[in-house]
Amino acid sequence: MGITVFPIQTTQQLGPLLKALRKQQGLTQDQLAEQLGITRQAVSALERKPEGATFERLMRVWAILNVEVSLNLRNNGSSNPSEEAW
């Protein structure tokens, strides 16, 4: 089976992707929350507003969902790193 690539350009794309991958794995928010050691409400918040999550928490979620993350940071001509593409 080949690798499926999901290029993410903005943090707003993370929530729907996280939700879709969770459902693809057959997990409810409660089940994912239990594996993460957080509440279902916290998982819901991750899916609605993932930019509020820590990098470590997102990496734990991806690991549970068996997702390999590859970062390709590009400088789009901006001198401010916060303006770089996510």
PDB file of N, CA and C in Angstrom:
ATOM      1  N   MET A   1       0.841  -1.174   0.000  1.00  0.00           N
ATOM      2  CA  MET A   1       0.000   0.000   0.000  1.00  0.00           C
ATOM      3  C   MET A   1       0.887   1.237   0.000  1.00  0.00           C
ATOM      4  N   GLY A   2       0.551   2.237  -0.825  1.00  0.00           N
ATOM      5  CA  GLY A   2       1.343   3.448  -0.945  1.00  0.00           C
ATOM      6  C   GLY A   2       1.076   4.418   0.182  1.00  0.00           C
ATOM      7  N   ILE A   3       1.894   5.432   0.216  1.00  0.00           N
ATOM      8  CA  ILE A   3       1.771   6.476   1.225  1.00  0.00           C
ATOM      9  C   ILE A   3       0.843   7.553   0.693  1.00  0.00           C
ATOM     10  N   THR A   4      -0.095   7.974   1.514  1.00  0.00           N
ATOM     11  CA  THR A   4      -0.965   9.081   1.173  1.00  0.00           C
ATOM     12  C   THR A   4      -0.386  10.342   1.787  1.00  0.00           C
ATOM     13  N   VAL A   5      -0.250  11.374   0.986  1.00  0.00           N
ATOM     14  CA  VAL A   5       0.334  12.628   1.446  1.00  0.00           C
ATOM     15  C   VAL A   5      -0.778  13.658   1.599  1.00  0.00           C
ATOM     16  N   PHE A   6      -0.787  14.337   2.738  1.00  0.00           N
ATOM     17  CA  PHE A   6      -1.739  15.401   3.006  1.00  0.00           C
ATOM     18  C   PHE A   6      -0.954  16.689   3.238  1.00  0.00           C
ATOM     19  N   PRO A   7      -0.703  17.464   2.186  1.00  0.00           N
ATOM     20  CA  PRO A   7       0.039  18.708   2.399  1.00  0.00           C
ATOM     21  C   PRO A   7      -0.803  19.704   3.193  1.00  0.00           C
ATOM     22  N   ILE A   8      -0.229  20.223   4.249  1.00  0.00           N
ATOM     23  CA  ILE A   8      -0.913  21.180   5.113  1.00  0.00           C
ATOM     24  C   ILE A   8      -0.272  22.546   4.900  1.00  0.00           C
ATOM     25  N   GLN A   9      -1.077  23.510   4.512  1.00  0.00           N
ATOM     26  CA  GLN A   9      -0.587  24.864   4.299  1.00  0.00           C
ATOM     27  C   GLN A   9      -0.924  25.789   5.467  1.00  0.00           C
ATOM     28  N   THR A  10      -2.034  25.500   6.148  1.00  0.00           N
ATOM     29  CA  THR A  10      -2.457  26.343   7.269  1.00  0.00           C
ATOM     30  C   THR A  10      -2.883  25.469   8.439  1.00  0.00           C
ATOM     31  N   THR A  11      -2.837  26.026   9.634  1.00  0.00           N
ATOM     32  CA  THR A  11      -3.259  25.264  10.812  1.00  0.00           C
ATOM     33  C   THR A  11      -4.746  24.943  10.771  1.00  0.00           C
ATOM     34  N   GLN A  12      -5.539  25.722  10.044  1.00  0.00           N
ATOM     35  CA  GLN A  12      -6.971  25.457   9.952  1.00  0.00           C
ATOM     36  C   GLN A  12      -7.257  24.127   9.258  1.00  0.00           C
ATOM     37  N   GLN A  13      -6.320  23.629   8.479  1.00  0.00           N
ATOM     38  CA  GLN A  13      -6.494  22.348   7.801  1.00  0.00           C
ATOM     39  C   GLN A  13      -6.268  21.162   8.737  1.00  0.00           C
ATOM     40  N   LEU A  14      -5.605  21.383   9.847  1.00  0.00           N
ATOM     41  CA  LEU A  14      -5.270  20.279  10.748  1.00  0.00           C
ATOM     42  C   LEU A  14      -6.494  19.662  11.413  1.00  0.00           C
ATOM     43  N   GLY A  15      -7.433  20.487  11.857  1.00  0.00           N
ATOM     44  CA  GLY A  15      -8.606  19.985  12.576  1.00  0.00           C
ATOM     45  C   GLY A  15      -9.419  18.981  11.779  1.00  0.00           C
ATOM     46  N   PRO A  16      -9.868  19.350  10.569  1.00  0.00           N
ATOM     47  CA  PRO A  16     -10.628  18.396   9.763  1.00  0.00           C
ATOM     48  C   PRO A  16      -9.830  17.139   9.422  1.00  0.00           C
ATOM     49  N   LEU A  17      -8.525  17.295   9.200  1.00  0.00           N
ATOM     50  CA  LEU A  17      -7.689  16.130   8.911  1.00  0.00           C
ATOM     51  C   LEU A  17      -7.597  15.223  10.128  1.00  0.00           C
ATOM     52  N   LEU A  18      -7.377  15.812  11.288  1.00  0.00           N
ATOM     53  CA  LEU A  18      -7.303  15.034  12.522  1.00  0.00           C
ATOM     54  C   LEU A  18      -8.603  14.253  12.734  1.00  0.00           C
ATOM     55  N   LYS A  19      -9.731  14.920  12.564  1.00  0.00           N
ATOM     56  CA  LYS A  19     -11.037  14.274  12.746  1.00  0.00           C
ATOM     57  C   LYS A  19     -11.224  13.130  11.747  1.00  0.00           C
ATOM     58  N   ALA A  20     -10.893  13.375  10.479  1.00  0.00           N
ATOM     59  CA  ALA A  20     -11.048  12.343   9.452  1.00  0.00           C
ATOM     60  C   ALA A  20     -10.162  11.135   9.732  1.00  0.00           C
ATOM     61  N   LEU A  21      -8.924  11.378  10.140  1.00  0.00           N
ATOM     62  CA  LEU A  21      -8.015  10.266  10.432  1.00  0.00           C
ATOM     63  C   LEU A  21      -8.453   9.498  11.676  1.00  0.00           C
ATOM     64  N   ARG A  22      -8.968  10.211  12.669  1.00  0.00           N
ATOM     65  CA  ARG A  22      -9.487   9.538  13.872  1.00  0.00           C
ATOM     66  C   ARG A  22     -10.627   8.602  13.486  1.00  0.00           C
ATOM     67  N   LYS A  23     -11.550   9.104  12.671  1.00  0.00           N
ATOM     68  CA  LYS A  23     -12.689   8.285  12.246  1.00  0.00           C
ATOM     69  C   LYS A  23     -12.235   7.125  11.370  1.00  0.00           C
ATOM     70  N   GLN A  24     -11.244   7.368  10.514  1.00  0.00           N
ATOM     71  CA  GLN A  24     -10.709   6.311   9.660  1.00  0.00           C
ATOM     72  C   GLN A  24     -10.137   5.171  10.502  1.00  0.00           C
ATOM     73  N   GLN A  25      -9.560   5.507  11.650  1.00  0.00           N
ATOM     74  CA  GLN A  25      -9.016   4.499  12.563  1.00  0.00           C
ATOM     75  C   GLN A  25     -10.119   3.839  13.393  1.00  0.00           C
ATOM     76  N   GLY A  26     -11.361   4.327  13.256  1.00  0.00           N
ATOM     77  CA  GLY A  26     -12.479   3.759  13.998  1.00  0.00           C
ATOM     78  C   GLY A  26     -12.510   4.185  15.453  1.00  0.00           C
ATOM     79  N   LEU A  27     -11.910   5.332  15.756  1.00  0.00           N
ATOM     80  CA  LEU A  27     -11.859   5.814  17.137  1.00  0.00           C
ATOM     81  C   LEU A  27     -12.886   6.908  17.376  1.00  0.00           C
ATOM     82  N   THR A  28     -13.518   6.859  18.533  1.00  0.00           N
ATOM     83  CA  THR A  28     -14.368   7.959  18.964  1.00  0.00           C
ATOM     84  C   THR A  28     -13.489   8.991  19.655  1.00  0.00           C
ATOM     85  N   GLN A  29     -14.061  10.166  19.894  1.00  0.00           N
ATOM     86  CA  GLN A  29     -13.319  11.177  20.647  1.00  0.00           C
ATOM     87  C   GLN A  29     -12.992  10.650  22.043  1.00  0.00           C
ATOM     88  N   ASP A  30     -13.922   9.921  22.651  1.00  0.00           N
ATOM     89  CA  ASP A  30     -13.677   9.354  23.984  1.00  0.00           C
ATOM     90  C   ASP A  30     -12.498   8.391  23.971  1.00  0.00           C
ATOM     91  N   GLN A  31     -12.432   7.537  22.956  1.00  0.00           N
ATOM     92  CA  GLN A  31     -11.347   6.556  22.878  1.00  0.00           C
ATOM     93  C   GLN A  31      -9.993   7.231  22.664  1.00  0.00           C
ATOM     94  N   LEU A  32      -9.960   8.229  21.788  1.00  0.00           N
ATOM     95  CA  LEU A  32      -8.711   8.953  21.568  1.00  0.00           C
ATOM     96  C   LEU A  32      -8.305   9.700  22.829  1.00  0.00           C
ATOM     97  N   ALA A  33      -9.281  10.299  23.490  1.00  0.00           N
ATOM     98  CA  ALA A  33      -9.002  11.025  24.735  1.00  0.00           C
ATOM     99  C   ALA A  33      -8.391  10.097  25.777  1.00  0.00           C
ATOM    100  N   GLU A  34      -8.932   8.896  25.888  1.00  0.00           N
ATOM    101  CA  GLU A  34      -8.409   7.937  26.867  1.00  0.00           C
ATOM    102  C   GLU A  34      -6.954   7.593  26.559  1.00  0.00           C
ATOM    103  N   GLN A  35      -6.649   7.384  25.285  1.00  0.00           N
ATOM    104  CA  GLN A  35      -5.271   7.049  24.909  1.00  0.00           C
ATOM    105  C   GLN A  35      -4.309   8.211  25.148  1.00  0.00           C
ATOM    106  N   LEU A  36      -4.827   9.441  25.032  1.00  0.00           N
ATOM    107  CA  LEU A  36      -3.996  10.626  25.250  1.00  0.00           C
ATOM    108  C   LEU A  36      -3.934  11.039  26.713  1.00  0.00           C
ATOM    109  N   GLY A  37      -4.861  10.518  27.522  1.00  0.00           N
ATOM    110  CA  GLY A  37      -4.916  10.917  28.925  1.00  0.00           C
ATOM    111  C   GLY A  37      -5.511  12.301  29.114  1.00  0.00           C
ATOM    112  N   ILE A  38      -6.450  12.660  28.219  1.00  0.00           N
ATOM    113  CA  ILE A  38      -7.125  13.953  28.302  1.00  0.00           C
ATOM    114  C   ILE A  38      -8.631  13.729  28.227  1.00  0.00           C
ATOM    115  N   THR A  39      -9.404  14.788  28.324  1.00  0.00           N
ATOM    116  CA  THR A  39     -10.860  14.666  28.258  1.00  0.00           C
ATOM    117  C   THR A  39     -11.343  14.644  26.808  1.00  0.00           C
ATOM    118  N   ARG A  40     -12.577  14.169  26.629  1.00  0.00           N
ATOM    119  CA  ARG A  40     -13.192  14.202  25.304  1.00  0.00           C
ATOM    120  C   ARG A  40     -13.318  15.641  24.819  1.00  0.00           C
ATOM    121  N   GLN A  41     -13.591  16.545  25.753  1.00  0.00           N
ATOM    122  CA  GLN A  41     -13.715  17.960  25.401  1.00  0.00           C
ATOM    123  C   GLN A  41     -12.395  18.508  24.848  1.00  0.00           C
ATOM    124  N   ALA A  42     -11.286  18.030  25.399  1.00  0.00           N
ATOM    125  CA  ALA A  42      -9.973  18.466  24.909  1.00  0.00           C
ATOM    126  C   ALA A  42      -9.728  17.946  23.491  1.00  0.00           C
ATOM    127  N   VAL A  43     -10.173  16.724  23.205  1.00  0.00           N
ATOM    128  CA  VAL A  43     -10.047  16.188  21.846  1.00  0.00           C
ATOM    129  C   VAL A  43     -10.917  17.003  20.893  1.00  0.00           C
ATOM    130  N   SER A  44     -12.123  17.321  21.327  1.00  0.00           N
ATOM    131  CA  SER A  44     -13.008  18.152  20.515  1.00  0.00           C
ATOM    132  C   SER A  44     -12.358  19.497  20.213  1.00  0.00           C
ATOM    133  N   ALA A  45     -11.729  20.084  21.218  1.00  0.00           N
ATOM    134  CA  ALA A  45     -11.038  21.362  21.024  1.00  0.00           C
ATOM    135  C   ALA A  45      -9.876  21.215  20.042  1.00  0.00           C
ATOM    136  N   LEU A  46      -9.167  20.088  20.103  1.00  0.00           N
ATOM    137  CA  LEU A  46      -8.078  19.832  19.151  1.00  0.00           C
ATOM    138  C   LEU A  46      -8.604  19.805  17.720  1.00  0.00           C
ATOM    139  N   GLU A  47      -9.769  19.189  17.540  1.00  0.00           N
ATOM    140  CA  GLU A  47     -10.337  19.082  16.200  1.00  0.00           C
ATOM    141  C   GLU A  47     -10.909  20.412  15.712  1.00  0.00           C
ATOM    142  N   ARG A  48     -11.369  21.233  16.626  1.00  0.00           N
ATOM    143  CA  ARG A  48     -11.929  22.535  16.248  1.00  0.00           C
ATOM    144  C   ARG A  48     -10.861  23.606  16.085  1.00  0.00           C
ATOM    145  N   LYS A  49      -9.858  23.576  16.961  1.00  0.00           N
ATOM    146  CA  LYS A  49      -8.846  24.644  16.971  1.00  0.00           C
ATOM    147  C   LYS A  49      -7.472  24.053  17.309  1.00  0.00           C
ATOM    148  N   PRO A  50      -6.902  23.275  16.379  1.00  0.00           N
ATOM    149  CA  PRO A  50      -5.633  22.598  16.661  1.00  0.00           C
ATOM    150  C   PRO A  50      -4.458  23.544  16.865  1.00  0.00           C
ATOM    151  N   GLU A  51      -4.572  24.776  16.394  1.00  0.00           N
ATOM    152  CA  GLU A  51      -3.455  25.707  16.571  1.00  0.00           C
ATOM    153  C   GLU A  51      -3.224  26.044  18.036  1.00  0.00           C
ATOM    154  N   GLY A  52      -4.188  25.718  18.902  1.00  0.00           N
ATOM    155  CA  GLY A  52      -4.017  25.940  20.333  1.00  0.00           C
ATOM    156  C   GLY A  52      -3.267  24.815  21.032  1.00  0.00           C
ATOM    157  N   ALA A  53      -3.021  23.719  20.319  1.00  0.00           N
ATOM    158  CA  ALA A  53      -2.347  22.560  20.913  1.00  0.00           C
ATOM    159  C   ALA A  53      -0.832  22.727  20.861  1.00  0.00           C
ATOM    160  N   THR A  54      -0.174  22.070  21.788  1.00  0.00           N
ATOM    161  CA  THR A  54       1.287  22.062  21.750  1.00  0.00           C
ATOM    162  C   THR A  54       1.754  21.124  20.635  1.00  0.00           C
ATOM    163  N   PHE A  55       2.957  21.356  20.175  1.00  0.00           N
ATOM    164  CA  PHE A  55       3.544  20.489  19.158  1.00  0.00           C
ATOM    165  C   PHE A  55       3.620  19.057  19.673  1.00  0.00           C
ATOM    166  N   GLU A  56       4.002  18.903  20.944  1.00  0.00           N
ATOM    167  CA  GLU A  56       4.125  17.570  21.542  1.00  0.00           C
ATOM    168  C   GLU A  56       2.785  16.840  21.549  1.00  0.00           C
ATOM    169  N   ARG A  57       1.712  17.555  21.876  1.00  0.00           N
ATOM    170  CA  ARG A  57       0.394  16.917  21.894  1.00  0.00           C
ATOM    171  C   ARG A  57      -0.003  16.485  20.494  1.00  0.00           C
ATOM    172  N   LEU A  58       0.217  17.348  19.511  1.00  0.00           N
ATOM    173  CA  LEU A  58      -0.114  16.975  18.137  1.00  0.00           C
ATOM    174  C   LEU A  58       0.697  15.762  17.688  1.00  0.00           C
ATOM    175  N   MET A  59       1.960  15.708  18.059  1.00  0.00           N
ATOM    176  CA  MET A  59       2.781  14.555  17.687  1.00  0.00           C
ATOM    177  C   MET A  59       2.266  13.278  18.346  1.00  0.00           C
ATOM    178  N   ARG A  60       1.786  13.369  19.586  1.00  0.00           N
ATOM    179  CA  ARG A  60       1.205  12.196  20.254  1.00  0.00           C
ATOM    180  C   ARG A  60      -0.058  11.735  19.528  1.00  0.00           C
ATOM    181  N   VAL A  61      -0.878  12.693  19.106  1.00  0.00           N
ATOM    182  CA  VAL A  61      -2.101  12.348  18.367  1.00  0.00           C
ATOM    183  C   VAL A  61      -1.738  11.636  17.075  1.00  0.00           C
ATOM    184  N   TRP A  62      -0.795  12.202  16.329  1.00  0.00           N
ATOM    185  CA  TRP A  62      -0.401  11.580  15.066  1.00  0.00           C
ATOM    186  C   TRP A  62       0.149  10.173  15.300  1.00  0.00           C
ATOM    187  N   ALA A  63       0.916   9.990  16.360  1.00  0.00           N
ATOM    188  CA  ALA A  63       1.468   8.663  16.663  1.00  0.00           C
ATOM    189  C   ALA A  63       0.346   7.664  16.937  1.00  0.00           C
ATOM    190  N   ILE A  64      -0.643   8.067  17.724  1.00  0.00           N
ATOM    191  CA  ILE A  64      -1.772   7.179  18.024  1.00  0.00           C
ATOM    192  C   ILE A  64      -2.534   6.832  16.751  1.00  0.00           C
ATOM    193  N   LEU A  65      -2.643   7.800  15.849  1.00  0.00           N
ATOM    194  CA  LEU A  65      -3.371   7.581  14.599  1.00  0.00           C
ATOM    195  C   LEU A  65      -2.494   6.954  13.513  1.00  0.00           C
ATOM    196  N   ASN A  66      -1.262   6.576  13.884  1.00  0.00           N
ATOM    197  CA  ASN A  66      -0.323   5.937  12.947  1.00  0.00           C
ATOM    198  C   ASN A  66      -0.029   6.819  11.737  1.00  0.00           C
ATOM    199  N   VAL A  67       0.186   8.095  12.007  1.00  0.00           N
ATOM    200  CA  VAL A  67       0.493   9.056  10.950  1.00  0.00           C
ATOM    201  C   VAL A  67       1.957   9.458  11.060  1.00  0.00           C
ATOM    202  N   GLU A  68       2.658   9.364   9.944  1.00  0.00           N
ATOM    203  CA  GLU A  68       4.043   9.823   9.895  1.00  0.00           C
ATOM    204  C   GLU A  68       4.035  11.285   9.464  1.00  0.00           C
ATOM    205  N   VAL A  69       4.692  12.120  10.234  1.00  0.00           N
ATOM    206  CA  VAL A  69       4.724  13.552   9.956  1.00  0.00           C
ATOM    207  C   VAL A  69       6.087  13.926   9.394  1.00  0.00           C
ATOM    208  N   SER A  70       6.054  14.651   8.301  1.00  0.00           N
ATOM    209  CA  SER A  70       7.279  15.151   7.685  1.00  0.00           C
ATOM    210  C   SER A  70       7.130  16.660   7.538  1.00  0.00           C
ATOM    211  N   LEU A  71       8.045  17.397   8.151  1.00  0.00           N
ATOM    212  CA  LEU A  71       7.993  18.852   8.079  1.00  0.00           C
ATOM    213  C   LEU A  71       8.867  19.345   6.941  1.00  0.00           C
ATOM    214  N   ASN A  72       8.305  20.190   6.131  1.00  0.00           N
ATOM    215  CA  ASN A  72       9.040  20.800   5.030  1.00  0.00           C
ATOM    216  C   ASN A  72       8.880  22.301   5.184  1.00  0.00           C
ATOM    217  N   LEU A  73       9.724  22.898   6.014  1.00  0.00           N
ATOM    218  CA  LEU A  73       9.627  24.327   6.284  1.00  0.00           C
ATOM    219  C   LEU A  73      10.284  25.103   5.159  1.00  0.00           C
ATOM    220  N   ARG A  74       9.515  26.002   4.595  1.00  0.00           N
ATOM    221  CA  ARG A  74      10.023  26.815   3.500  1.00  0.00           C
ATOM    222  C   ARG A  74       9.965  28.273   3.892  1.00  0.00           C
ATOM    223  N   ASN A  75      10.990  28.983   3.549  1.00  0.00           N
ATOM    224  CA  ASN A  75      10.979  30.423   3.755  1.00  0.00           C
ATOM    225  C   ASN A  75      10.398  31.028   2.487  1.00  0.00           C
ATOM    226  N   ASN A  76       9.209  31.607   2.617  1.00  0.00           N
ATOM    227  CA  ASN A  76       8.521  32.157   1.449  1.00  0.00           C
ATOM    228  C   ASN A  76       8.940  33.598   1.156  1.00  0.00           C
ATOM    229  N   GLY A  77      10.172  33.927   1.483  1.00  0.00           N
ATOM    230  CA  GLY A  77      10.662  35.269   1.246  1.00  0.00           C
ATOM    231  C   GLY A  77      10.479  36.191   2.423  1.00  0.00           C
ATOM    232  N   SER A  78       9.870  35.688   3.473  1.00  0.00           N
ATOM    233  CA  SER A  78       9.627  36.494   4.665  1.00  0.00           C
ATOM    234  C   SER A  78      10.832  36.409   5.588  1.00  0.00           C
ATOM    235  N   SER A  79      11.148  37.507   6.211  1.00  0.00           N
ATOM    236  CA  SER A  79      12.235  37.492   7.187  1.00  0.00           C
ATOM    237  C   SER A  79      11.717  37.132   8.568  1.00  0.00           C
ATOM    238  N   ASN A  80      10.401  37.030   8.715  1.00  0.00           N
ATOM    239  CA  ASN A  80       9.771  36.703   9.990  1.00  0.00           C
ATOM    240  C   ASN A  80       9.351  35.239   9.974  1.00  0.00           C
ATOM    241  N   PRO A  81       9.971  34.372  10.798  1.00  0.00           N
ATOM    242  CA  PRO A  81       9.633  32.944  10.794  1.00  0.00           C
ATOM    243  C   PRO A  81       8.162  32.679  11.076  1.00  0.00           C
ATOM    244  N   SER A  82       7.482  33.550  11.820  1.00  0.00           N
ATOM    245  CA  SER A  82       6.070  33.312  12.124  1.00  0.00           C
ATOM    246  C   SER A  82       5.199  33.470  10.888  1.00  0.00           C
ATOM    247  N   GLU A  83       5.736  34.068   9.833  1.00  0.00           N
ATOM    248  CA  GLU A  83       4.984  34.240   8.601  1.00  0.00           C
ATOM    249  C   GLU A  83       5.257  33.129   7.595  1.00  0.00           C
ATOM    250  N   GLU A  84       6.108  32.181   7.954  1.00  0.00           N
ATOM    251  CA  GLU A  84       6.403  31.082   7.048  1.00  0.00           C
ATOM    252  C   GLU A  84       5.207  30.161   6.937  1.00  0.00           C
ATOM    253  N   ALA A  85       5.107  29.453   5.827  1.00  0.00           N
ATOM    254  CA  ALA A  85       4.033  28.484   5.632  1.00  0.00           C
ATOM    255  C   ALA A  85       4.119  27.416   6.697  1.00  0.00           C
ATOM    256  N   TRP A  86       2.996  27.020   7.220  1.00  0.00           N
ATOM    257  CA  TRP A  86       2.958  26.020   8.274  1.00  0.00           C
ATOM    258  C   TRP A  86       3.235  24.735   7.636  1.00  0.00           C
TER     259      TRP A  86
END
